[in-house]
Amino acid sequence: MSKKKRKSKAPKTRNSGTFTDAQFFNWLRQKLRRISITWKPINEVRKKAKIPYTGNNKRRKVSYVCSVCKGEFSAKEVSVDHTIPIGSLQKFEDLPSFVEKLFCEEDGLSLMCKKCHDAKTILDNQKTRENE
């Protein structure tokens, strides 16, 4: 049994005929987010939330304090969140706002544990849907 390739109904007008508009803006959004990882304010927010680890795990040296629940977490259990949602990038008109919000300064960022971040993301997405 071979899988049949699904043909896209949208025309592939970008990147020498290999991307639809949606694929192009998804690719661009991914690249911009990847670049934003090296943005210094993101690292500064992480540094400010760092405290010495006091638990039993001898390998772990630091913990991070969630700005919402004030719990202590490992580096893998936290993420830096944009306090103002970045929004979508679905057309060229969205680009200036998306980039401006993505590359904000420290006052537009906060460190959150996964649980708090997920809850905030759900609320942000609900608000976005209500405003559409």
C-alpha atoms as a PDB file:
ATOM      1  CA  MET A   1       0.000   0.000   0.000  1.00  0.00           C
ATOM      2  CA  SER A   2       1.535   3.281  -1.034  1.00  0.00           C
ATOM      3  CA  LYS A   3       0.463   6.599   0.301  1.00  0.00           C
ATOM      4  CA  LYS A   4      -1.050   9.002  -2.166  1.00  0.00           C
ATOM      5  CA  LYS A   5       0.302  12.523  -2.067  1.00  0.00           C
ATOM      6  CA  ARG A   6      -2.312  15.076  -1.186  1.00  0.00           C
ATOM      7  CA  LYS A   7      -2.453  17.846  -3.693  1.00  0.00           C
ATOM      8  CA  SER A   8      -2.716  21.306  -2.260  1.00  0.00           C
ATOM      9  CA  LYS A   9      -5.597  23.373  -3.533  1.00  0.00           C
ATOM     10  CA  ALA A  10      -3.701  26.590  -2.879  1.00  0.00           C
ATOM     11  CA  PRO A  11      -1.327  27.671  -5.630  1.00  0.00           C
ATOM     12  CA  LYS A  12       2.377  27.365  -4.897  1.00  0.00           C
ATOM     13  CA  THR A  13       3.530  30.822  -5.849  1.00  0.00           C
ATOM     14  CA  ARG A  14       6.477  31.275  -3.458  1.00  0.00           C
ATOM     15  CA  ASN A  15      10.043  29.934  -3.343  1.00  0.00           C
ATOM     16  CA  SER A  16      10.210  28.951  -7.003  1.00  0.00           C
ATOM     17  CA  GLY A  17       6.803  27.330  -6.913  1.00  0.00           C
ATOM     18  CA  THR A  18       7.448  25.099  -3.877  1.00  0.00           C
ATOM     19  CA  PHE A  19       5.508  27.014  -1.162  1.00  0.00           C
ATOM     20  CA  THR A  20       1.934  28.142  -0.843  1.00  0.00           C
ATOM     21  CA  ASP A  21       1.402  31.460   0.931  1.00  0.00           C
ATOM     22  CA  ALA A  22       0.580  29.607   4.169  1.00  0.00           C
ATOM     23  CA  GLN A  23       3.742  27.493   3.911  1.00  0.00           C
ATOM     24  CA  PHE A  24       5.847  30.582   3.225  1.00  0.00           C
ATOM     25  CA  PHE A  25       4.542  32.519   6.241  1.00  0.00           C
ATOM     26  CA  ASN A  26       4.882  29.432   8.451  1.00  0.00           C
ATOM     27  CA  TRP A  27       8.513  29.069   7.312  1.00  0.00           C
ATOM     28  CA  LEU A  28       9.176  32.786   7.934  1.00  0.00           C
ATOM     29  CA  ARG A  29       7.549  32.660  11.388  1.00  0.00           C
ATOM     30  CA  GLN A  30       9.699  29.637  12.345  1.00  0.00           C
ATOM     31  CA  LYS A  31      12.907  31.360  11.198  1.00  0.00           C
ATOM     32  CA  LEU A  32      12.118  34.573  13.092  1.00  0.00           C
ATOM     33  CA  ARG A  33      11.317  32.630  16.272  1.00  0.00           C
ATOM     34  CA  ARG A  34      14.570  30.668  15.922  1.00  0.00           C
ATOM     35  CA  ILE A  35      16.540  33.916  15.613  1.00  0.00           C
ATOM     36  CA  SER A  36      14.754  35.392  18.641  1.00  0.00           C
ATOM     37  CA  ILE A  37      16.293  32.719  20.903  1.00  0.00           C
ATOM     38  CA  THR A  38      19.559  34.679  20.839  1.00  0.00           C
ATOM     39  CA  TRP A  39      17.834  37.987  21.730  1.00  0.00           C
ATOM     40  CA  LYS A  40      19.662  39.366  24.802  1.00  0.00           C
ATOM     41  CA  PRO A  41      16.561  40.476  26.779  1.00  0.00           C
ATOM     42  CA  ILE A  42      15.377  36.849  26.779  1.00  0.00           C
ATOM     43  CA  ASN A  43      18.654  35.742  28.374  1.00  0.00           C
ATOM     44  CA  GLU A  44      18.466  38.624  30.877  1.00  0.00           C
ATOM     45  CA  VAL A  45      14.977  37.533  32.005  1.00  0.00           C
ATOM     46  CA  ARG A  46      16.329  34.008  32.523  1.00  0.00           C
ATOM     47  CA  LYS A  47      19.309  35.326  34.512  1.00  0.00           C
ATOM     48  CA  LYS A  48      17.113  37.428  36.792  1.00  0.00           C
ATOM     49  CA  ALA A  49      14.864  34.450  37.590  1.00  0.00           C
ATOM     50  CA  LYS A  50      17.817  32.174  38.434  1.00  0.00           C
ATOM     51  CA  ILE A  51      18.460  31.122  42.045  1.00  0.00           C
ATOM     52  CA  PRO A  52      20.767  28.488  43.614  1.00  0.00           C
ATOM     53  CA  TYR A  53      19.233  25.003  43.757  1.00  0.00           C
ATOM     54  CA  THR A  54      18.820  23.628  47.290  1.00  0.00           C
ATOM     55  CA  GLY A  55      17.347  20.170  46.600  1.00  0.00           C
ATOM     56  CA  ASN A  56      18.853  16.681  46.680  1.00  0.00           C
ATOM     57  CA  ASN A  57      19.840  16.403  43.003  1.00  0.00           C
ATOM     58  CA  LYS A  58      23.632  16.816  43.087  1.00  0.00           C
ATOM     59  CA  ARG A  59      23.857  17.486  39.345  1.00  0.00           C
ATOM     60  CA  ARG A  60      21.443  20.418  39.360  1.00  0.00           C
ATOM     61  CA  LYS A  61      23.004  23.740  40.347  1.00  0.00           C
ATOM     62  CA  VAL A  62      20.262  26.307  39.704  1.00  0.00           C
ATOM     63  CA  SER A  63      16.501  26.717  39.730  1.00  0.00           C
ATOM     64  CA  TYR A  64      14.274  29.290  38.072  1.00  0.00           C
ATOM     65  CA  VAL A  65      11.400  31.082  39.791  1.00  0.00           C
ATOM     66  CA  CYS A  66       8.123  31.310  37.868  1.00  0.00           C
ATOM     67  CA  SER A  67       6.865  34.889  37.760  1.00  0.00           C
ATOM     68  CA  VAL A  68       3.257  33.712  38.234  1.00  0.00           C
ATOM     69  CA  CYS A  69       3.156  30.874  40.786  1.00  0.00           C
ATOM     70  CA  LYS A  70       6.575  31.639  42.339  1.00  0.00           C
ATOM     71  CA  GLY A  71       7.516  27.941  42.233  1.00  0.00           C
ATOM     72  CA  GLU A  72      11.090  26.736  41.617  1.00  0.00           C
ATOM     73  CA  PHE A  73      11.749  24.790  38.427  1.00  0.00           C
ATOM     74  CA  SER A  74      14.586  23.367  36.326  1.00  0.00           C
ATOM     75  CA  ALA A  75      15.662  25.024  33.092  1.00  0.00           C
ATOM     76  CA  LYS A  76      13.677  22.478  31.071  1.00  0.00           C
ATOM     77  CA  GLU A  77      10.497  23.265  32.986  1.00  0.00           C
ATOM     78  CA  VAL A  78      10.396  27.017  32.234  1.00  0.00           C
ATOM     79  CA  SER A  79      10.102  29.278  29.234  1.00  0.00           C
ATOM     80  CA  VAL A  80      10.283  32.983  28.578  1.00  0.00           C
ATOM     81  CA  ASP A  81       6.863  34.356  27.671  1.00  0.00           C
ATOM     82  CA  HIS A  82       5.913  37.542  25.853  1.00  0.00           C
ATOM     83  CA  THR A  83       3.504  39.424  28.116  1.00  0.00           C
ATOM     84  CA  ILE A  84       1.811  40.905  25.052  1.00  0.00           C
ATOM     85  CA  PRO A  85       0.894  38.108  22.618  1.00  0.00           C
ATOM     86  CA  ILE A  86       2.978  38.270  19.451  1.00  0.00           C
ATOM     87  CA  GLY A  87       0.033  37.502  17.198  1.00  0.00           C
ATOM     88  CA  SER A  88      -0.035  35.793  13.856  1.00  0.00           C
ATOM     89  CA  LEU A  89       2.043  36.151  10.753  1.00  0.00           C
ATOM     90  CA  GLN A  90      -0.195  35.295   7.827  1.00  0.00           C
ATOM     91  CA  LYS A  91       0.475  38.149   5.418  1.00  0.00           C
ATOM     92  CA  PHE A  92       3.090  40.820   4.803  1.00  0.00           C
ATOM     93  CA  GLU A  93       1.006  43.435   6.613  1.00  0.00           C
ATOM     94  CA  ASP A  94       1.421  41.421   9.859  1.00  0.00           C
ATOM     95  CA  LEU A  95       5.231  41.462   9.626  1.00  0.00           C
ATOM     96  CA  PRO A  96       6.088  44.821  11.299  1.00  0.00           C
ATOM     97  CA  SER A  97       3.860  44.175  14.318  1.00  0.00           C
ATOM     98  CA  PHE A  98       5.020  40.559  14.626  1.00  0.00           C
ATOM     99  CA  VAL A  99       8.716  41.518  14.572  1.00  0.00           C
ATOM    100  CA  GLU A 100       8.230  44.443  16.966  1.00  0.00           C
ATOM    101  CA  LYS A 101       6.441  42.240  19.519  1.00  0.00           C
ATOM    102  CA  LEU A 102       8.806  39.285  19.059  1.00  0.00           C
ATOM    103  CA  PHE A 103      11.946  41.355  19.642  1.00  0.00           C
ATOM    104  CA  CYS A 104      10.719  43.296  22.663  1.00  0.00           C
ATOM    105  CA  GLU A 105      12.762  44.404  25.665  1.00  0.00           C
ATOM    106  CA  GLU A 106      12.807  42.852  29.154  1.00  0.00           C
ATOM    107  CA  ASP A 107       9.688  44.681  30.336  1.00  0.00           C
ATOM    108  CA  GLY A 108       7.673  42.757  27.727  1.00  0.00           C
ATOM    109  CA  LEU A 109       8.934  39.351  28.861  1.00  0.00           C
ATOM    110  CA  SER A 110       8.453  37.097  31.886  1.00  0.00           C
ATOM    111  CA  LEU A 111       9.713  33.671  32.904  1.00  0.00           C
ATOM    112  CA  MET A 112       6.980  31.086  33.521  1.00  0.00           C
ATOM    113  CA  CYS A 113       6.761  27.415  34.370  1.00  0.00           C
ATOM    114  CA  LYS A 114       5.185  25.209  31.704  1.00  0.00           C
ATOM    115  CA  LYS A 115       1.877  24.942  33.589  1.00  0.00           C
ATOM    116  CA  CYS A 116       1.456  28.728  33.966  1.00  0.00           C
ATOM    117  CA  HIS A 117       2.662  29.340  30.403  1.00  0.00           C
ATOM    118  CA  ASP A 118       0.210  26.825  28.957  1.00  0.00           C
ATOM    119  CA  ALA A 119      -2.672  28.370  30.919  1.00  0.00           C
ATOM    120  CA  LYS A 120      -1.746  31.884  29.706  1.00  0.00           C
ATOM    121  CA  THR A 121      -1.438  30.658  26.123  1.00  0.00           C
ATOM    122  CA  ILE A 122      -4.924  29.117  26.258  1.00  0.00           C
ATOM    123  CA  LEU A 123      -6.382  32.384  27.576  1.00  0.00           C
ATOM    124  CA  ASP A 124      -4.530  34.426  24.925  1.00  0.00           C
ATOM    125  CA  ASN A 125      -5.811  32.132  22.162  1.00  0.00           C
ATOM    126  CA  GLN A 126      -9.394  32.399  23.451  1.00  0.00           C
ATOM    127  CA  LYS A 127      -9.163  36.203  23.493  1.00  0.00           C
ATOM    128  CA  THR A 128      -7.778  36.180  19.956  1.00  0.00           C
ATOM    129  CA  ARG A 129     -10.657  34.007  18.713  1.00  0.00           C
ATOM    130  CA  GLU A 130     -13.215  36.253  20.413  1.00  0.00           C
ATOM    131  CA  ASN A 131     -11.768  39.344  18.731  1.00  0.00           C
ATOM    132  CA  GLU A 132     -11.864  37.814  15.241  1.00  0.00           C
END
